[in-house]
Amino acid sequence: MLLLSISACNGQSEQNTNKETKQITKKMENGIKLNPLTEDEKRVILGKGTDRPFTGEYTDKFTKGMYVCRQCDAPLYTSDSKFHSNCGWPSFDDEIKGAVTKTTDADGRRTEITCTKCGGHLGHVFYGEGLTDKDTRHCVNTSSLKFMDALVQTESNKAIFAGGCFWGVEYYFQHEKGVLNTTVGYTGGTKLNPTYREVLSHSTGHYEAIEVEFDPSVTNYETLAKLFFEIHDPTQANGQGNDIGQQYQSVVFYMDDTQKASTENLIAQLRTKGFNVATKLIKASKFWPAEGYHQEYYEKGGGEPYCHHKVKRF
């Protein structure tokens, strides 16, 4: 099946279409800034073409950072989702939420992926190959991408919160404007790479938490921290609702002094409004991603959280 998928990816249509050109022109008219493209990049991005396999500079690149659209600079993939598939093109098993549009090809067999912001062609997505836990492979052309080194993604572009069952916390952050990626996991404990069962046993000292990556040009830490305080009960000291225990306690794991000061200010505001805030502030330490079945739990299964509700407090 992998060989068939690779062949399909390599066999993308090379023909430029008037329809695609009109769509890109429309984007320009609507105020989206588009970068100039070389003839080879136009062939791929506008003409739905394909790079030759094993020729792109990003095929075997696994440096920490982010991949953005070459045409409009929209964030598309993080390096955490990139994996080595041996297919000859950069491969990712997940996209930044809302960044990629999937459309069934005219042949009815393949699913094309395009940049949601500008409509530029990226490649195709394949399922059922069993290459990663997410069982998904975005086969993307290097010509469609630009890489941003992690040096430009400082720690201040991340936030870590714990507020009860991490399924519900993640649900709300996934739907927040400016959030690029969310990962649920464990932090604050002593054991290396803990499992869910170990955390549940109260023997490791970890909390169920969420790591949020965000675009500082769209949102900021204070906005996300306000959301955190409004989607759980920050006054409950022993857990959240019926989920009792240390791993369910309310905690802000601050990355730096700026995040700490911002959180302290929000807590002070809540206390002036009569909320006896029990949220702890702990310096961020190693964050361990949880097992795959915990990631995007409600996104995969549908429905909404039963243990988290948004209540306006600011």
Foldseek 3Di string as FASTA:
>chain_A
DLVVVLVVQQPWDQAADPVLVVLLVVLVVVPQQWDDADPVLCSCFRGVHADDFQPAPCLPDQAFFFKAFNTRRHTWAGSVQWDHPVSRATKGLDIFPPQWDWDQDPVNPWIWIAGNNRRTGFTTKDADPPPDPSRIIDGGHSSGIDTDHCVVVDPQQKWKWFAAQVLQVVVVLSPDPFWGDKFWFWFDWDDPQDAPVCVVVVPTRIATMMMIGGDVVIPGLLVSLQQVCFWFQQQDAQAADPDGHRNRGTETADADPVSVVSNVVVVVVLVVVPRNGNYYYHHTDDTHGYDPCSPNVCVVVPDHDPRTDGDRRD
